[in-house]
Amino acid sequence: MINPPNVMVKEISPSIKILRDVHIPTRDGSYLSANIYMPSGEGKFPALLSLHPARKDVLCKDGYMHIQFRFARQPGTIAFSNETSFEAPDPDFWATNGYAVVNIDKRGFGLS
């Protein structure tokens, strides 16, 4: 049996700007729902996009991510923020390093 590694879920940095349930219009008049995490300050930022068929709002703090780390040995404690969606980049890490993170509900899923 493989023992799970230590997992630490931390609060996202208060300096990160969070926009929730932003409507992204599509050409047929519908929209996709997105959560957007941006660095503090003004300007344009390179973006990491994740399209979610299982809902962008399924977050690691709800316990859904921990099982994936049981299948491979890890070198140490795994840490990510409480705003990390399942199978998506950690917005805390990327936004504090100058990137925007955009988590989008796929059409017909979640709030899209």
PDB file of N, CA and C in Angstrom:
ATOM      1  N   MET A   1       0.834  -1.172   0.000  1.00  0.00           N
ATOM      2  CA  MET A   1       0.000   0.000   0.000  1.00  0.00           C
ATOM      3  C   MET A   1       0.885   1.244   0.000  1.00  0.00           C
ATOM      4  N   ILE A   2       0.495   2.222  -0.786  1.00  0.00           N
ATOM      5  CA  ILE A   2       1.261   3.463  -0.862  1.00  0.00           C
ATOM      6  C   ILE A   2       0.661   4.470   0.105  1.00  0.00           C
ATOM      7  N   ASN A   3       1.496   5.013   0.955  1.00  0.00           N
ATOM      8  CA  ASN A   3       1.022   6.026   1.888  1.00  0.00           C
ATOM      9  C   ASN A   3       0.959   7.378   1.196  1.00  0.00           C
ATOM     10  N   PRO A   4      -0.060   8.169   1.509  1.00  0.00           N
ATOM     11  CA  PRO A   4      -0.138   9.490   0.895  1.00  0.00           C
ATOM     12  C   PRO A   4       0.950  10.400   1.446  1.00  0.00           C
ATOM     13  N   PRO A   5       1.461  11.311   0.626  1.00  0.00           N
ATOM     14  CA  PRO A   5       2.458  12.259   1.112  1.00  0.00           C
ATOM     15  C   PRO A   5       1.788  13.344   1.949  1.00  0.00           C
ATOM     16  N   ASN A   6       2.598  14.134   2.593  1.00  0.00           N
ATOM     17  CA  ASN A   6       2.070  15.290   3.314  1.00  0.00           C
ATOM     18  C   ASN A   6       1.557  16.308   2.305  1.00  0.00           C
ATOM     19  N   VAL A   7       0.345  16.795   2.510  1.00  0.00           N
ATOM     20  CA  VAL A   7      -0.258  17.794   1.633  1.00  0.00           C
ATOM     21  C   VAL A   7      -0.614  19.006   2.476  1.00  0.00           C
ATOM     22  N   MET A   8      -0.182  20.192   2.008  1.00  0.00           N
ATOM     23  CA  MET A   8      -0.479  21.425   2.723  1.00  0.00           C
ATOM     24  C   MET A   8      -1.300  22.335   1.812  1.00  0.00           C
ATOM     25  N   VAL A   9      -2.496  22.691   2.244  1.00  0.00           N
ATOM     26  CA  VAL A   9      -3.344  23.623   1.498  1.00  0.00           C
ATOM     27  C   VAL A   9      -3.282  24.956   2.229  1.00  0.00           C
ATOM     28  N   LYS A  10      -2.790  25.986   1.523  1.00  0.00           N
ATOM     29  CA  LYS A  10      -2.622  27.295   2.155  1.00  0.00           C
ATOM     30  C   LYS A  10      -3.597  28.307   1.572  1.00  0.00           C
ATOM     31  N   GLU A  11      -3.831  29.374   2.298  1.00  0.00           N
ATOM     32  CA  GLU A  11      -4.697  30.453   1.827  1.00  0.00           C
ATOM     33  C   GLU A  11      -4.012  31.179   0.672  1.00  0.00           C
ATOM     34  N   ILE A  12      -4.807  31.574  -0.325  1.00  0.00           N
ATOM     35  CA  ILE A  12      -4.264  32.325  -1.447  1.00  0.00           C
ATOM     36  C   ILE A  12      -3.827  33.707  -0.955  1.00  0.00           C
ATOM     37  N   SER A  13      -2.809  34.261  -1.576  1.00  0.00           N
ATOM     38  CA  SER A  13      -2.291  35.570  -1.190  1.00  0.00           C
ATOM     39  C   SER A  13      -3.368  36.645  -1.328  1.00  0.00           C
ATOM     40  N   PRO A  14      -3.521  37.505  -0.339  1.00  0.00           N
ATOM     41  CA  PRO A  14      -4.537  38.557  -0.421  1.00  0.00           C
ATOM     42  C   PRO A  14      -4.245  39.594  -1.500  1.00  0.00           C
ATOM     43  N   SER A  15      -3.032  39.607  -2.042  1.00  0.00           N
ATOM     44  CA  SER A  15      -2.694  40.576  -3.091  1.00  0.00           C
ATOM     45  C   SER A  15      -3.218  40.162  -4.471  1.00  0.00           C
ATOM     46  N   ILE A  16      -3.663  38.920  -4.610  1.00  0.00           N
ATOM     47  CA  ILE A  16      -4.145  38.440  -5.908  1.00  0.00           C
ATOM     48  C   ILE A  16      -5.573  38.919  -6.138  1.00  0.00           C
ATOM     49  N   LYS A  17      -5.793  39.496  -7.319  1.00  0.00           N
ATOM     50  CA  LYS A  17      -7.124  39.966  -7.693  1.00  0.00           C
ATOM     51  C   LYS A  17      -7.917  38.782  -8.235  1.00  0.00           C
ATOM     52  N   ILE A  18      -9.121  38.545  -7.682  1.00  0.00           N
ATOM     53  CA  ILE A  18      -9.953  37.411  -8.093  1.00  0.00           C
ATOM     54  C   ILE A  18     -11.265  37.926  -8.661  1.00  0.00           C
ATOM     55  N   LEU A  19     -11.586  37.504  -9.888  1.00  0.00           N
ATOM     56  CA  LEU A  19     -12.869  37.802 -10.523  1.00  0.00           C
ATOM     57  C   LEU A  19     -13.591  36.476 -10.692  1.00  0.00           C
ATOM     58  N   ARG A  20     -14.743  36.335 -10.083  1.00  0.00           N
ATOM     59  CA  ARG A  20     -15.474  35.066 -10.122  1.00  0.00           C
ATOM     60  C   ARG A  20     -16.652  35.124 -11.091  1.00  0.00           C
ATOM     61  N   ASP A  21     -16.899  33.994 -11.743  1.00  0.00           N
ATOM     62  CA  ASP A  21     -18.059  33.809 -12.622  1.00  0.00           C
ATOM     63  C   ASP A  21     -18.173  34.905 -13.683  1.00  0.00           C
ATOM     64  N   VAL A  22     -17.039  35.232 -14.294  1.00  0.00           N
ATOM     65  CA  VAL A  22     -16.999  36.196 -15.393  1.00  0.00           C
ATOM     66  C   VAL A  22     -17.575  35.522 -16.634  1.00  0.00           C
ATOM     67  N   HIS A  23     -18.475  36.201 -17.331  1.00  0.00           N
ATOM     68  CA  HIS A  23     -19.072  35.642 -18.551  1.00  0.00           C
ATOM     69  C   HIS A  23     -18.203  35.977 -19.752  1.00  0.00           C
ATOM     70  N   ILE A  24     -17.764  34.937 -20.458  1.00  0.00           N
ATOM     71  CA  ILE A  24     -17.003  35.093 -21.692  1.00  0.00           C
ATOM     72  C   ILE A  24     -17.968  34.801 -22.831  1.00  0.00           C
ATOM     73  N   PRO A  25     -18.303  35.809 -23.649  1.00  0.00           N
ATOM     74  CA  PRO A  25     -19.281  35.584 -24.717  1.00  0.00           C
ATOM     75  C   PRO A  25     -18.726  34.669 -25.807  1.00  0.00           C
ATOM     76  N   THR A  26     -19.598  33.867 -26.384  1.00  0.00           N
ATOM     77  CA  THR A  26     -19.232  33.022 -27.522  1.00  0.00           C
ATOM     78  C   THR A  26     -19.926  33.564 -28.767  1.00  0.00           C
ATOM     79  N   ARG A  27     -19.494  33.144 -29.935  1.00  0.00           N
ATOM     80  CA  ARG A  27     -20.045  33.706 -31.171  1.00  0.00           C
ATOM     81  C   ARG A  27     -21.502  33.335 -31.416  1.00  0.00           C
ATOM     82  N   ASP A  28     -22.020  32.319 -30.746  1.00  0.00           N
ATOM     83  CA  ASP A  28     -23.434  31.954 -30.943  1.00  0.00           C
ATOM     84  C   ASP A  28     -24.358  32.634 -29.925  1.00  0.00           C
ATOM     85  N   GLY A  29     -23.821  33.567 -29.141  1.00  0.00           N
ATOM     86  CA  GLY A  29     -24.641  34.311 -28.195  1.00  0.00           C
ATOM     87  C   GLY A  29     -24.689  33.714 -26.802  1.00  0.00           C
ATOM     88  N   SER A  30     -24.080  32.575 -26.608  1.00  0.00           N
ATOM     89  CA  SER A  30     -24.017  31.944 -25.292  1.00  0.00           C
ATOM     90  C   SER A  30     -22.815  32.526 -24.542  1.00  0.00           C
ATOM     91  N   TYR A  31     -22.457  31.944 -23.442  1.00  0.00           N
ATOM     92  CA  TYR A  31     -21.264  32.382 -22.734  1.00  0.00           C
ATOM     93  C   TYR A  31     -20.669  31.210 -21.955  1.00  0.00           C
ATOM     94  N   LEU A  32     -19.392  31.368 -21.620  1.00  0.00           N
ATOM     95  CA  LEU A  32     -18.690  30.443 -20.739  1.00  0.00           C
ATOM     96  C   LEU A  32     -18.401  31.192 -19.441  1.00  0.00           C
ATOM     97  N   SER A  33     -18.466  30.497 -18.333  1.00  0.00           N
ATOM     98  CA  SER A  33     -18.218  31.109 -17.030  1.00  0.00           C
ATOM     99  C   SER A  33     -16.769  30.842 -16.608  1.00  0.00           C
ATOM    100  N   ALA A  34     -16.100  31.884 -16.120  1.00  0.00           N
ATOM    101  CA  ALA A  34     -14.688  31.760 -15.754  1.00  0.00           C
ATOM    102  C   ALA A  34     -14.399  32.416 -14.409  1.00  0.00           C
ATOM    103  N   ASN A  35     -13.431  31.862 -13.715  1.00  0.00           N
ATOM    104  CA  ASN A  35     -12.813  32.520 -12.561  1.00  0.00           C
ATOM    105  C   ASN A  35     -11.439  32.975 -13.023  1.00  0.00           C
ATOM    106  N   ILE A  36     -11.110  34.229 -12.750  1.00  0.00           N
ATOM    107  CA  ILE A  36      -9.853  34.811 -13.221  1.00  0.00           C
ATOM    108  C   ILE A  36      -9.054  35.288 -12.014  1.00  0.00           C
ATOM    109  N   TYR A  37      -7.802  34.885 -11.980  1.00  0.00           N
ATOM    110  CA  TYR A  37      -6.879  35.268 -10.912  1.00  0.00           C
ATOM    111  C   TYR A  37      -5.759  36.072 -11.556  1.00  0.00           C
ATOM    112  N   MET A  38      -5.516  37.287 -11.054  1.00  0.00           N
ATOM    113  CA  MET A  38      -4.517  38.163 -11.665  1.00  0.00           C
ATOM    114  C   MET A  38      -3.563  38.720 -10.619  1.00  0.00           C
ATOM    115  N   PRO A  39      -2.339  39.025 -11.071  1.00  0.00           N
ATOM    116  CA  PRO A  39      -1.408  39.686 -10.159  1.00  0.00           C
ATOM    117  C   PRO A  39      -1.957  41.051  -9.752  1.00  0.00           C
ATOM    118  N   SER A  40      -1.477  41.558  -8.640  1.00  0.00           N
ATOM    119  CA  SER A  40      -1.880  42.905  -8.250  1.00  0.00           C
ATOM    120  C   SER A  40      -1.276  43.899  -9.240  1.00  0.00           C
ATOM    121  N   GLY A  41      -1.903  45.039  -9.363  1.00  0.00           N
ATOM    122  CA  GLY A  41      -1.413  46.060 -10.278  1.00  0.00           C
ATOM    123  C   GLY A  41      -2.176  46.054 -11.587  1.00  0.00           C
ATOM    124  N   GLU A  42      -1.866  47.019 -12.398  1.00  0.00           N
ATOM    125  CA  GLU A  42      -2.524  47.174 -13.693  1.00  0.00           C
ATOM    126  C   GLU A  42      -1.627  46.626 -14.793  1.00  0.00           C
ATOM    127  N   GLY A  43      -2.221  46.393 -15.955  1.00  0.00           N
ATOM    128  CA  GLY A  43      -1.444  45.958 -17.100  1.00  0.00           C
ATOM    129  C   GLY A  43      -1.975  44.684 -17.708  1.00  0.00           C
ATOM    130  N   LYS A  44      -1.286  44.250 -18.741  1.00  0.00           N
ATOM    131  CA  LYS A  44      -1.620  42.989 -19.403  1.00  0.00           C
ATOM    132  C   LYS A  44      -0.692  41.911 -18.844  1.00  0.00           C
ATOM    133  N   PHE A  45      -1.247  40.714 -18.716  1.00  0.00           N
ATOM    134  CA  PHE A  45      -0.468  39.607 -18.161  1.00  0.00           C
ATOM    135  C   PHE A  45      -0.596  38.394 -19.069  1.00  0.00           C
ATOM    136  N   PRO A  46       0.476  37.615 -19.249  1.00  0.00           N
ATOM    137  CA  PRO A  46       0.307  36.336 -19.951  1.00  0.00           C
ATOM    138  C   PRO A  46      -0.642  35.467 -19.130  1.00  0.00           C
ATOM    139  N   ALA A  47      -1.403  34.623 -19.817  1.00  0.00           N
ATOM    140  CA  ALA A  47      -2.439  33.858 -19.117  1.00  0.00           C
ATOM    141  C   ALA A  47      -2.285  32.358 -19.316  1.00  0.00           C
ATOM    142  N   LEU A  48      -2.620  31.616 -18.269  1.00  0.00           N
ATOM    143  CA  LEU A  48      -2.735  30.162 -18.319  1.00  0.00           C
ATOM    144  C   LEU A  48      -4.226  29.846 -18.302  1.00  0.00           C
ATOM    145  N   LEU A  49      -4.714  29.148 -19.322  1.00  0.00           N
ATOM    146  CA  LEU A  49      -6.136  28.828 -19.439  1.00  0.00           C
ATOM    147  C   LEU A  49      -6.375  27.359 -19.145  1.00  0.00           C
ATOM    148  N   SER A  50      -7.420  27.082 -18.373  1.00  0.00           N
ATOM    149  CA  SER A  50      -7.835  25.704 -18.099  1.00  0.00           C
ATOM    150  C   SER A  50      -9.326  25.597 -18.366  1.00  0.00           C
ATOM    151  N   LEU A  51      -9.701  24.634 -19.206  1.00  0.00           N
ATOM    152  CA  LEU A  51     -11.104  24.389 -19.536  1.00  0.00           C
ATOM    153  C   LEU A  51     -11.559  23.165 -18.754  1.00  0.00           C
ATOM    154  N   HIS A  52     -12.590  23.324 -17.927  1.00  0.00           N
ATOM    155  CA  HIS A  52     -13.003  22.283 -16.992  1.00  0.00           C
ATOM    156  C   HIS A  52     -14.312  21.616 -17.388  1.00  0.00           C
ATOM    157  N   PRO A  53     -14.282  20.301 -17.643  1.00  0.00           N
ATOM    158  CA  PRO A  53     -15.541  19.591 -17.871  1.00  0.00           C
ATOM    159  C   PRO A  53     -16.202  19.187 -16.556  1.00  0.00           C
ATOM    160  N   ALA A  54     -15.478  19.296 -15.455  1.00  0.00           N
ATOM    161  CA  ALA A  54     -16.017  18.833 -14.171  1.00  0.00           C
ATOM    162  C   ALA A  54     -16.222  19.981 -13.189  1.00  0.00           C
ATOM    163  N   ARG A  55     -16.332  21.189 -13.638  1.00  0.00           N
ATOM    164  CA  ARG A  55     -16.578  22.405 -12.853  1.00  0.00           C
ATOM    165  C   ARG A  55     -15.296  23.053 -12.350  1.00  0.00           C
ATOM    166  N   LYS A  56     -15.164  24.297 -12.694  1.00  0.00           N
ATOM    167  CA  LYS A  56     -14.024  25.102 -12.261  1.00  0.00           C
ATOM    168  C   LYS A  56     -14.007  25.347 -10.759  1.00  0.00           C
ATOM    169  N   ASP A  57     -15.173  25.225 -10.120  1.00  0.00           N
ATOM    170  CA  ASP A  57     -15.283  25.516  -8.696  1.00  0.00           C
ATOM    171  C   ASP A  57     -15.037  24.310  -7.794  1.00  0.00           C
ATOM    172  N   VAL A  58     -14.589  23.187  -8.362  1.00  0.00           N
ATOM    173  CA  VAL A  58     -14.174  22.045  -7.538  1.00  0.00           C
ATOM    174  C   VAL A  58     -12.736  22.337  -7.126  1.00  0.00           C
ATOM    175  N   LEU A  59     -12.579  22.744  -5.888  1.00  0.00           N
ATOM    176  CA  LEU A  59     -11.282  23.212  -5.407  1.00  0.00           C
ATOM    177  C   LEU A  59     -10.602  22.177  -4.532  1.00  0.00           C
ATOM    178  N   CYS A  60      -9.277  22.262  -4.469  1.00  0.00           N
ATOM    179  CA  CYS A  60      -8.499  21.311  -3.678  1.00  0.00           C
ATOM    180  C   CYS A  60      -8.877  21.342  -2.212  1.00  0.00           C
ATOM    181  N   LYS A  61      -9.318  22.489  -1.699  1.00  0.00           N
ATOM    182  CA  LYS A  61      -9.671  22.558  -0.277  1.00  0.00           C
ATOM    183  C   LYS A  61     -10.833  21.634   0.060  1.00  0.00           C
ATOM    184  N   ASP A  62     -11.595  21.224  -0.987  1.00  0.00           N
ATOM    185  CA  ASP A  62     -12.711  20.307  -0.788  1.00  0.00           C
ATOM    186  C   ASP A  62     -12.255  18.853  -0.733  1.00  0.00           C
ATOM    187  N   GLY A  63     -10.943  18.612  -0.915  1.00  0.00           N
ATOM    188  CA  GLY A  63     -10.398  17.275  -0.776  1.00  0.00           C
ATOM    189  C   GLY A  63     -10.304  16.466  -2.054  1.00  0.00           C
ATOM    190  N   TYR A  64     -10.658  17.030  -3.191  1.00  0.00           N
ATOM    191  CA  TYR A  64     -10.675  16.262  -4.431  1.00  0.00           C
ATOM    192  C   TYR A  64      -9.293  16.019  -5.012  1.00  0.00           C
ATOM    193  N   MET A  65      -8.312  16.843  -4.685  1.00  0.00           N
ATOM    194  CA  MET A  65      -6.996  16.692  -5.296  1.00  0.00           C
ATOM    195  C   MET A  65      -6.105  15.695  -4.581  1.00  0.00           C
ATOM    196  N   HIS A  66      -6.339  15.452  -3.352  1.00  0.00           N
ATOM    197  CA  HIS A  66      -5.383  14.676  -2.561  1.00  0.00           C
ATOM    198  C   HIS A  66      -5.157  13.265  -3.090  1.00  0.00           C
ATOM    199  N   ILE A  67      -6.155  12.620  -3.622  1.00  0.00           N
ATOM    200  CA  ILE A  67      -6.011  11.235  -4.078  1.00  0.00           C
ATOM    201  C   ILE A  67      -4.993  11.095  -5.203  1.00  0.00           C
ATOM    202  N   GLN A  68      -4.862  12.089  -6.060  1.00  0.00           N
ATOM    203  CA  GLN A  68      -3.949  11.956  -7.193  1.00  0.00           C
ATOM    204  C   GLN A  68      -2.497  11.808  -6.750  1.00  0.00           C
ATOM    205  N   PHE A  69      -2.158  12.277  -5.577  1.00  0.00           N
ATOM    206  CA  PHE A  69      -0.783  12.205  -5.127  1.00  0.00           C
ATOM    207  C   PHE A  69      -0.444  10.876  -4.459  1.00  0.00           C
ATOM    208  N   ARG A  70      -1.380   9.964  -4.355  1.00  0.00           N
ATOM    209  CA  ARG A  70      -1.127   8.668  -3.729  1.00  0.00           C
ATOM    210  C   ARG A  70      -0.460   7.684  -4.684  1.00  0.00           C
ATOM    211  N   PHE A  71      -0.452   7.984  -5.970  1.00  0.00           N
ATOM    212  CA  PHE A  71      -0.003   7.014  -6.957  1.00  0.00           C
ATOM    213  C   PHE A  71       1.470   7.131  -7.310  1.00  0.00           C
ATOM    214  N   ALA A  72       2.134   8.167  -6.847  1.00  0.00           N
ATOM    215  CA  ALA A  72       3.555   8.326  -7.138  1.00  0.00           C
ATOM    216  C   ALA A  72       4.248   8.894  -5.903  1.00  0.00           C
ATOM    217  N   ARG A  73       5.455   8.455  -5.713  1.00  0.00           N
ATOM    218  CA  ARG A  73       6.207   8.995  -4.582  1.00  0.00           C
ATOM    219  C   ARG A  73       6.489  10.475  -4.833  1.00  0.00           C
ATOM    220  N   GLN A  74       6.446  11.251  -3.778  1.00  0.00           N
ATOM    221  CA  GLN A  74       6.709  12.679  -3.867  1.00  0.00           C
ATOM    222  C   GLN A  74       7.959  12.992  -3.052  1.00  0.00           C
ATOM    223  N   PRO A  75       8.754  13.978  -3.507  1.00  0.00           N
ATOM    224  CA  PRO A  75      10.001  14.276  -2.804  1.00  0.00           C
ATOM    225  C   PRO A  75       9.814  14.966  -1.458  1.00  0.00           C
ATOM    226  N   GLY A  76       8.654  15.514  -1.217  1.00  0.00           N
ATOM    227  CA  GLY A  76       8.422  16.212   0.046  1.00  0.00           C
ATOM    228  C   GLY A  76       6.971  16.627   0.152  1.00  0.00           C
ATOM    229  N   THR A  77       6.724  17.573   1.031  1.00  0.00           N
ATOM    230  CA  THR A  77       5.365  18.069   1.219  1.00  0.00           C
ATOM    231  C   THR A  77       4.879  18.761  -0.046  1.00  0.00           C
ATOM    232  N   ILE A  78       3.651  18.471  -0.426  1.00  0.00           N
ATOM    233  CA  ILE A  78       3.033  19.097  -1.589  1.00  0.00           C
ATOM    234  C   ILE A  78       2.195  20.254  -1.070  1.00  0.00           C
ATOM    235  N   ALA A  79       2.426  21.452  -1.617  1.00  0.00           N
ATOM    236  CA  ALA A  79       1.695  22.631  -1.153  1.00  0.00           C
ATOM    237  C   ALA A  79       1.028  23.324  -2.331  1.00  0.00           C
ATOM    238  N   PHE A  80      -0.221  23.714  -2.130  1.00  0.00           N
ATOM    239  CA  PHE A  80      -0.925  24.525  -3.126  1.00  0.00           C
ATOM    240  C   PHE A  80      -1.989  25.334  -2.413  1.00  0.00           C
ATOM    241  N   SER A  81      -2.531  26.331  -3.117  1.00  0.00           N
ATOM    242  CA  SER A  81      -3.483  27.237  -2.470  1.00  0.00           C
ATOM    243  C   SER A  81      -4.893  26.670  -2.457  1.00  0.00           C
ATOM    244  N   ASN A  82      -5.709  27.227  -1.603  1.00  0.00           N
ATOM    245  CA  ASN A  82      -7.098  26.799  -1.465  1.00  0.00           C
ATOM    246  C   ASN A  82      -7.959  27.183  -2.667  1.00  0.00           C
ATOM    247  N   GLU A  83      -7.411  27.915  -3.626  1.00  0.00           N
ATOM    248  CA  GLU A  83      -8.141  28.285  -4.843  1.00  0.00           C
ATOM    249  C   GLU A  83      -7.727  27.435  -6.043  1.00  0.00           C
ATOM    250  N   THR A  84      -6.926  26.408  -5.828  1.00  0.00           N
ATOM    251  CA  THR A  84      -6.479  25.552  -6.925  1.00  0.00           C
ATOM    252  C   THR A  84      -7.601  24.615  -7.336  1.00  0.00           C
ATOM    253  N   SER A  85      -8.015  24.710  -8.606  1.00  0.00           N
ATOM    254  CA  SER A  85      -9.056  23.825  -9.139  1.00  0.00           C
ATOM    255  C   SER A  85      -8.444  22.483  -9.505  1.00  0.00           C
ATOM    256  N   PHE A  86      -9.272  21.468  -9.554  1.00  0.00           N
ATOM    257  CA  PHE A  86      -8.826  20.125  -9.916  1.00  0.00           C
ATOM    258  C   PHE A  86      -8.194  20.139 -11.304  1.00  0.00           C
ATOM    259  N   GLU A  87      -7.001  19.607 -11.427  1.00  0.00           N
ATOM    260  CA  GLU A  87      -6.246  19.519 -12.676  1.00  0.00           C
ATOM    261  C   GLU A  87      -6.012  20.880 -13.319  1.00  0.00           C
ATOM    262  N   ALA A  88      -5.716  21.870 -12.502  1.00  0.00           N
ATOM    263  CA  ALA A  88      -5.425  23.215 -12.997  1.00  0.00           C
ATOM    264  C   ALA A  88      -4.215  23.769 -12.248  1.00  0.00           C
ATOM    265  N   PRO A  89      -3.554  24.777 -12.825  1.00  0.00           N
ATOM    266  CA  PRO A  89      -2.406  25.364 -12.136  1.00  0.00           C
ATOM    267  C   PRO A  89      -2.827  26.119 -10.877  1.00  0.00           C
ATOM    268  N   ASP A  90      -1.937  26.193  -9.933  1.00  0.00           N
ATOM    269  CA  ASP A  90      -2.196  26.906  -8.681  1.00  0.00           C
ATOM    270  C   ASP A  90      -2.170  28.412  -8.958  1.00  0.00           C
ATOM    271  N   PRO A  91      -3.303  29.100  -8.820  1.00  0.00           N
ATOM    272  CA  PRO A  91      -3.318  30.529  -9.123  1.00  0.00           C
ATOM    273  C   PRO A  91      -2.432  31.354  -8.194  1.00  0.00           C
ATOM    274  N   ASP A  92      -2.220  30.903  -6.985  1.00  0.00           N
ATOM    275  CA  ASP A  92      -1.353  31.632  -6.061  1.00  0.00           C
ATOM    276  C   ASP A  92       0.078  31.658  -6.584  1.00  0.00           C
ATOM    277  N   PHE A  93       0.596  30.520  -6.992  1.00  0.00           N
ATOM    278  CA  PHE A  93       1.965  30.452  -7.515  1.00  0.00           C
ATOM    279  C   PHE A  93       2.109  31.301  -8.769  1.00  0.00           C
ATOM    280  N   TRP A  94       1.212  31.103  -9.729  1.00  0.00           N
ATOM    281  CA  TRP A  94       1.360  31.771 -11.026  1.00  0.00           C
ATOM    282  C   TRP A  94       1.072  33.263 -10.960  1.00  0.00           C
ATOM    283  N   ALA A  95       0.044  33.682 -10.235  1.00  0.00           N
ATOM    284  CA  ALA A  95      -0.276  35.114 -10.157  1.00  0.00           C
ATOM    285  C   ALA A  95       0.813  35.887  -9.418  1.00  0.00           C
ATOM    286  N   THR A  96       1.406  35.290  -8.399  1.00  0.00           N
ATOM    287  CA  THR A  96       2.495  35.986  -7.708  1.00  0.00           C
ATOM    288  C   THR A  96       3.757  36.032  -8.562  1.00  0.00           C
ATOM    289  N   ASN A  97       3.790  35.265  -9.647  1.00  0.00           N
ATOM    290  CA  ASN A  97       4.917  35.289 -10.580  1.00  0.00           C
ATOM    291  C   ASN A  97       4.568  35.993 -11.890  1.00  0.00           C
ATOM    292  N   GLY A  98       3.492  36.806 -11.891  1.00  0.00           N
ATOM    293  CA  GLY A  98       3.202  37.666 -13.032  1.00  0.00           C
ATOM    294  C   GLY A  98       2.257  37.123 -14.084  1.00  0.00           C
ATOM    295  N   TYR A  99       1.602  36.001 -13.834  1.00  0.00           N
ATOM    296  CA  TYR A  99       0.675  35.403 -14.801  1.00  0.00           C
ATOM    297  C   TYR A  99      -0.764  35.525 -14.314  1.00  0.00           C
ATOM    298  N   ALA A 100      -1.690  35.566 -15.267  1.00  0.00           N
ATOM    299  CA  ALA A 100      -3.109  35.430 -14.939  1.00  0.00           C
ATOM    300  C   ALA A 100      -3.471  33.957 -15.100  1.00  0.00           C
ATOM    301  N   VAL A 101      -4.364  33.476 -14.260  1.00  0.00           N
ATOM    302  CA  VAL A 101      -4.873  32.103 -14.370  1.00  0.00           C
ATOM    303  C   VAL A 101      -6.372  32.211 -14.617  1.00  0.00           C
ATOM    304  N   VAL A 102      -6.840  31.563 -15.691  1.00  0.00           N
ATOM    305  CA  VAL A 102      -8.250  31.621 -16.068  1.00  0.00           C
ATOM    306  C   VAL A 102      -8.799  30.197 -16.066  1.00  0.00           C
ATOM    307  N   ASN A 103      -9.717  29.918 -15.152  1.00  0.00           N
ATOM    308  CA  ASN A 103     -10.364  28.606 -15.065  1.00  0.00           C
ATOM    309  C   ASN A 103     -11.778  28.739 -15.617  1.00  0.00           C
ATOM    310  N   ILE A 104     -12.081  27.962 -16.653  1.00  0.00           N
ATOM    311  CA  ILE A 104     -13.328  28.115 -17.401  1.00  0.00           C
ATOM    312  C   ILE A 104     -14.148  26.832 -17.325  1.00  0.00           C
ATOM    313  N   ASP A 105     -15.442  26.985 -17.057  1.00  0.00           N
ATOM    314  CA  ASP A 105     -16.368  25.854 -17.159  1.00  0.00           C
ATOM    315  C   ASP A 105     -16.664  25.602 -18.632  1.00  0.00           C
ATOM    316  N   LYS A 106     -16.468  24.366 -19.063  1.00  0.00           N
ATOM    317  CA  LYS A 106     -16.778  23.963 -20.432  1.00  0.00           C
ATOM    318  C   LYS A 106     -18.277  24.135 -20.684  1.00  0.00           C
ATOM    319  N   ARG A 107     -18.640  24.386 -21.929  1.00  0.00           N
ATOM    320  CA  ARG A 107     -20.046  24.572 -22.284  1.00  0.00           C
ATOM    321  C   ARG A 107     -20.882  23.395 -21.786  1.00  0.00           C
ATOM    322  N   GLY A 108     -21.980  23.714 -21.134  1.00  0.00           N
ATOM    323  CA  GLY A 108     -22.878  22.688 -20.618  1.00  0.00           C
ATOM    324  C   GLY A 108     -22.500  22.154 -19.248  1.00  0.00           C
ATOM    325  N   PHE A 109     -21.428  22.659 -18.677  1.00  0.00           N
ATOM    326  CA  PHE A 109     -20.969  22.208 -17.363  1.00  0.00           C
ATOM    327  C   PHE A 109     -20.886  23.393 -16.415  1.00  0.00           C
ATOM    328  N   GLY A 110     -21.006  23.120 -15.134  1.00  0.00           N
ATOM    329  CA  GLY A 110     -20.875  24.179 -14.141  1.00  0.00           C
ATOM    330  C   GLY A 110     -21.830  25.318 -14.411  1.00  0.00           C
ATOM    331  N   LEU A 111     -21.286  26.520 -14.527  1.00  0.00           N
ATOM    332  CA  LEU A 111     -22.113  27.705 -14.761  1.00  0.00           C
ATOM    333  C   LEU A 111     -22.100  28.161 -16.212  1.00  0.00           C
ATOM    334  N   SER A 112     -21.545  27.361 -17.117  1.00  0.00           N
ATOM    335  CA  SER A 112     -21.531  27.719 -18.549  1.00  0.00           C
ATOM    336  C   SER A 112     -22.757  27.171 -19.247  1.00  0.00           C
TER     337      SER A 112
END
